[in-house]
C-alpha cells in the first residue's frame, strides 16, 4: 500500500473526483482528521 492509499483509507485525505480515481485532474483534499493531526504535530515543535 502506498502513502496516498493509506491516508485515504484512514480518512485523512479525500479525492476531489472520487468517481474517477485515475484521472489526470485528480487532486486530494485534507479532511478534518488529517488537519487535526497536522495541527497536533506543529504544536510539539
PDB file of N, CA and C in Angstrom:
ATOM      1  N   UNK A   1       0.850  -1.178   0.000  1.00  0.00           N
ATOM      2  CA  UNK A   1       0.000   0.000   0.000  1.00  0.00           C
ATOM      3  C   UNK A   1       0.897   1.244   0.000  1.00  0.00           C
ATOM      4  N   UNK A   2       0.592   2.183  -0.871  1.00  0.00           N
ATOM      5  CA  UNK A   2       1.400   3.404  -0.896  1.00  0.00           C
ATOM      6  C   UNK A   2       0.839   4.438   0.086  1.00  0.00           C
ATOM      7  N   UNK A   3       1.539   5.530   0.232  1.00  0.00           N
ATOM      8  CA  UNK A   3       1.159   6.518   1.253  1.00  0.00           C
ATOM      9  C   UNK A   3      -0.193   7.165   0.974  1.00  0.00           C
ATOM     10  N   UNK A   4      -0.533   7.405  -0.281  1.00  0.00           N
ATOM     11  CA  UNK A   4      -1.838   8.006  -0.575  1.00  0.00           C
ATOM     12  C   UNK A   4      -2.976   7.067  -0.214  1.00  0.00           C
ATOM     13  N   UNK A   5      -2.837   5.804  -0.560  1.00  0.00           N
ATOM     14  CA  UNK A   5      -3.872   4.827  -0.217  1.00  0.00           C
ATOM     15  C   UNK A   5      -4.071   4.766   1.289  1.00  0.00           C
ATOM     16  N   UNK A   6      -2.979   4.795   2.028  1.00  0.00           N
ATOM     17  CA  UNK A   6      -3.071   4.743   3.493  1.00  0.00           C
ATOM     18  C   UNK A   6      -3.798   5.970   4.045  1.00  0.00           C
ATOM     19  N   UNK A   7      -3.481   7.140   3.537  1.00  0.00           N
ATOM     20  CA  UNK A   7      -4.130   8.370   4.011  1.00  0.00           C
ATOM     21  C   UNK A   7      -5.607   8.413   3.632  1.00  0.00           C
ATOM     22  N   UNK A   8      -5.944   7.904   2.457  1.00  0.00           N
ATOM     23  CA  UNK A   8      -7.342   7.842   2.037  1.00  0.00           C
ATOM     24  C   UNK A   8      -8.114   6.849   2.895  1.00  0.00           C
ATOM     25  N   UNK A   9      -7.517   5.699   3.152  1.00  0.00           N
ATOM     26  CA  UNK A   9      -8.167   4.663   3.956  1.00  0.00           C
ATOM     27  C   UNK A   9      -8.381   5.125   5.391  1.00  0.00           C
ATOM     28  N   UNK A  10      -7.407   5.844   5.941  1.00  0.00           N
ATOM     29  CA  UNK A  10      -7.503   6.344   7.317  1.00  0.00           C
ATOM     30  C   UNK A  10      -8.470   7.511   7.458  1.00  0.00           C
ATOM     31  N   UNK A  11      -8.894   8.088   6.341  1.00  0.00           N
ATOM     32  CA  UNK A  11      -9.823   9.215   6.392  1.00  0.00           C
ATOM     33  C   UNK A  11      -9.137  10.551   6.592  1.00  0.00           C
ATOM     34  N   UNK A  12      -7.858  10.601   6.321  1.00  0.00           N
ATOM     35  CA  UNK A  12      -7.121  11.864   6.468  1.00  0.00           C
ATOM     36  C   UNK A  12      -7.179  12.715   5.206  1.00  0.00           C
ATOM     37  N   UNK A  13      -7.358  12.066   4.051  1.00  0.00           N
ATOM     38  CA  UNK A  13      -7.483  12.751   2.766  1.00  0.00           C
ATOM     39  C   UNK A  13      -8.741  12.275   2.067  1.00  0.00           C
ATOM     40  N   UNK A  14      -9.207  13.088   1.109  1.00  0.00           N
ATOM     41  CA  UNK A  14     -10.292  12.666   0.238  1.00  0.00           C
ATOM     42  C   UNK A  14      -9.983  13.109  -1.180  1.00  0.00           C
ATOM     43  N   UNK A  15     -10.507  12.370  -2.136  1.00  0.00           N
ATOM     44  CA  UNK A  15     -10.322  12.712  -3.545  1.00  0.00           C
ATOM     45  C   UNK A  15     -11.309  13.803  -3.941  1.00  0.00           C
ATOM     46  N   UNK A  16     -10.873  14.690  -4.821  1.00  0.00           N
ATOM     47  CA  UNK A  16     -11.789  15.718  -5.315  1.00  0.00           C
ATOM     48  C   UNK A  16     -12.708  15.154  -6.389  1.00  0.00           C
ATOM     49  N   UNK A  17     -12.283  14.086  -7.069  1.00  0.00           N
ATOM     50  CA  UNK A  17     -13.103  13.426  -8.096  1.00  0.00           C
ATOM     51  C   UNK A  17     -13.136  11.931  -7.762  1.00  0.00           C
ATOM     52  N   UNK A  18     -13.909  11.540  -6.759  1.00  0.00           N
ATOM     53  CA  UNK A  18     -13.900  10.141  -6.332  1.00  0.00           C
ATOM     54  C   UNK A  18     -14.428   9.165  -7.383  1.00  0.00           C
ATOM     55  N   UNK A  19     -15.252   9.638  -8.319  1.00  0.00           N
ATOM     56  CA  UNK A  19     -15.794   8.760  -9.363  1.00  0.00           C
ATOM     57  C   UNK A  19     -14.728   8.339 -10.374  1.00  0.00           C
ATOM     58  N   UNK A  20     -13.656   9.126 -10.475  1.00  0.00           N
ATOM     59  CA  UNK A  20     -12.596   8.852 -11.453  1.00  0.00           C
ATOM     60  C   UNK A  20     -11.234   8.918 -10.748  1.00  0.00           C
ATOM     61  N   UNK A  21     -10.885   7.901  -9.978  1.00  0.00           N
ATOM     62  CA  UNK A  21      -9.655   7.956  -9.187  1.00  0.00           C
ATOM     63  C   UNK A  21      -8.363   8.030 -10.001  1.00  0.00           C
ATOM     64  N   UNK A  22      -8.391   7.638 -11.268  1.00  0.00           N
ATOM     65  CA  UNK A  22      -7.168   7.636 -12.071  1.00  0.00           C
ATOM     66  C   UNK A  22      -7.068   8.796 -13.057  1.00  0.00           C
ATOM     67  N   UNK A  23      -7.976   9.749 -12.992  1.00  0.00           N
ATOM     68  CA  UNK A  23      -7.922  10.878 -13.916  1.00  0.00           C
ATOM     69  C   UNK A  23      -6.695  11.749 -13.633  1.00  0.00           C
ATOM     70  N   UNK A  24      -6.173  12.359 -14.673  1.00  0.00           N
ATOM     71  CA  UNK A  24      -5.006  13.234 -14.510  1.00  0.00           C
ATOM     72  C   UNK A  24      -5.365  14.514 -13.762  1.00  0.00           C
ATOM     73  N   UNK A  25      -6.632  14.798 -13.645  1.00  0.00           N
ATOM     74  CA  UNK A  25      -7.083  16.008 -12.945  1.00  0.00           C
ATOM     75  C   UNK A  25      -7.354  15.744 -11.460  1.00  0.00           C
ATOM     76  N   UNK A  26      -7.099  14.515 -10.996  1.00  0.00           N
ATOM     77  CA  UNK A  26      -7.363  14.153  -9.603  1.00  0.00           C
ATOM     78  C   UNK A  26      -6.512  14.998  -8.646  1.00  0.00           C
ATOM     79  N   UNK A  27      -7.147  15.478  -7.621  1.00  0.00           N
ATOM     80  CA  UNK A  27      -6.476  16.203  -6.554  1.00  0.00           C
ATOM     81  C   UNK A  27      -6.977  15.635  -5.236  1.00  0.00           C
ATOM     82  N   UNK A  28      -6.327  16.016  -4.175  1.00  0.00           N
ATOM     83  CA  UNK A  28      -6.689  15.489  -2.863  1.00  0.00           C
ATOM     84  C   UNK A  28      -6.896  16.643  -1.903  1.00  0.00           C
ATOM     85  N   UNK A  29      -7.847  16.469  -1.024  1.00  0.00           N
ATOM     86  CA  UNK A  29      -8.194  17.486  -0.037  1.00  0.00           C
ATOM     87  C   UNK A  29      -7.975  16.895   1.344  1.00  0.00           C
ATOM     88  N   UNK A  30      -7.421  17.691   2.237  1.00  0.00           N
ATOM     89  CA  UNK A  30      -7.229  17.218   3.603  1.00  0.00           C
ATOM     90  C   UNK A  30      -8.569  17.273   4.337  1.00  0.00           C
ATOM     91  N   UNK A  31      -8.873  16.226   5.085  1.00  0.00           N
ATOM     92  CA  UNK A  31     -10.113  16.146   5.847  1.00  0.00           C
ATOM     93  C   UNK A  31      -9.853  16.624   7.269  1.00  0.00           C
ATOM     94  N   UNK A  32     -10.880  16.873   8.046  1.00  0.00           N
ATOM     95  CA  UNK A  32     -10.709  17.378   9.414  1.00  0.00           C
ATOM     96  C   UNK A  32      -9.777  16.517  10.273  1.00  0.00           C
ATOM     97  N   UNK A  33      -9.840  15.193  10.119  1.00  0.00           N
ATOM     98  CA  UNK A  33      -8.953  14.321  10.882  1.00  0.00           C
ATOM     99  C   UNK A  33      -7.498  14.576  10.518  1.00  0.00           C
ATOM    100  N   UNK A  34      -7.217  14.709   9.241  1.00  0.00           N
ATOM    101  CA  UNK A  34      -5.858  14.995   8.794  1.00  0.00           C
ATOM    102  C   UNK A  34      -5.374  16.345   9.277  1.00  0.00           C
ATOM    103  N   UNK A  35      -6.254  17.327   9.259  1.00  0.00           N
ATOM    104  CA  UNK A  35      -5.906  18.666   9.721  1.00  0.00           C
ATOM    105  C   UNK A  35      -5.596  18.663  11.218  1.00  0.00           C
ATOM    106  N   UNK A  36      -6.390  17.927  11.983  1.00  0.00           N
ATOM    107  CA  UNK A  36      -6.162  17.836  13.436  1.00  0.00           C
ATOM    108  C   UNK A  36      -4.803  17.195  13.708  1.00  0.00           C
ATOM    109  N   UNK A  37      -4.451  16.186  12.957  1.00  0.00           N
ATOM    110  CA  UNK A  37      -3.155  15.521  13.140  1.00  0.00           C
ATOM    111  C   UNK A  37      -2.026  16.474  12.796  1.00  0.00           C
ATOM    112  N   UNK A  38      -2.181  17.234  11.716  1.00  0.00           N
ATOM    113  CA  UNK A  38      -1.153  18.210  11.338  1.00  0.00           C
ATOM    114  C   UNK A  38      -0.987  19.289  12.417  1.00  0.00           C
ATOM    115  N   UNK A  39      -2.106  19.799  12.911  1.00  0.00           N
ATOM    116  CA  UNK A  39      -2.039  20.841  13.935  1.00  0.00           C
ATOM    117  C   UNK A  39      -1.412  20.316  15.223  1.00  0.00           C
ATOM    118  N   UNK A  40      -1.710  19.097  15.582  1.00  0.00           N
ATOM    119  CA  UNK A  40      -1.123  18.496  16.764  1.00  0.00           C
ATOM    120  C   UNK A  40       0.384  18.351  16.610  1.00  0.00           C
ATOM    121  N   UNK A  41       0.822  17.984  15.407  1.00  0.00           N
ATOM    122  CA  UNK A  41       2.253  17.827  15.143  1.00  0.00           C
ATOM    123  C   UNK A  41       3.015  19.136  15.210  1.00  0.00           C
ATOM    124  N   UNK A  42       2.385  20.236  14.793  1.00  0.00           N
ATOM    125  CA  UNK A  42       3.082  21.521  14.815  1.00  0.00           C
ATOM    126  C   UNK A  42       3.147  22.078  16.239  1.00  0.00           C
ATOM    127  N   UNK A  43       2.227  21.677  17.105  1.00  0.00           N
ATOM    128  CA  UNK A  43       2.266  22.146  18.493  1.00  0.00           C
ATOM    129  C   UNK A  43       3.457  21.560  19.248  1.00  0.00           C
ATOM    130  N   UNK A  44       3.900  20.361  18.851  1.00  0.00           N
ATOM    131  CA  UNK A  44       5.010  19.703  19.534  1.00  0.00           C
ATOM    132  C   UNK A  44       6.352  20.320  19.166  1.00  0.00           C
ATOM    133  N   UNK A  45       6.424  21.009  18.022  1.00  0.00           N
ATOM    134  CA  UNK A  45       7.701  21.600  17.566  1.00  0.00           C
ATOM    135  C   UNK A  45       8.103  22.794  18.357  1.00  0.00           C
TER     136      UNK A  45
END
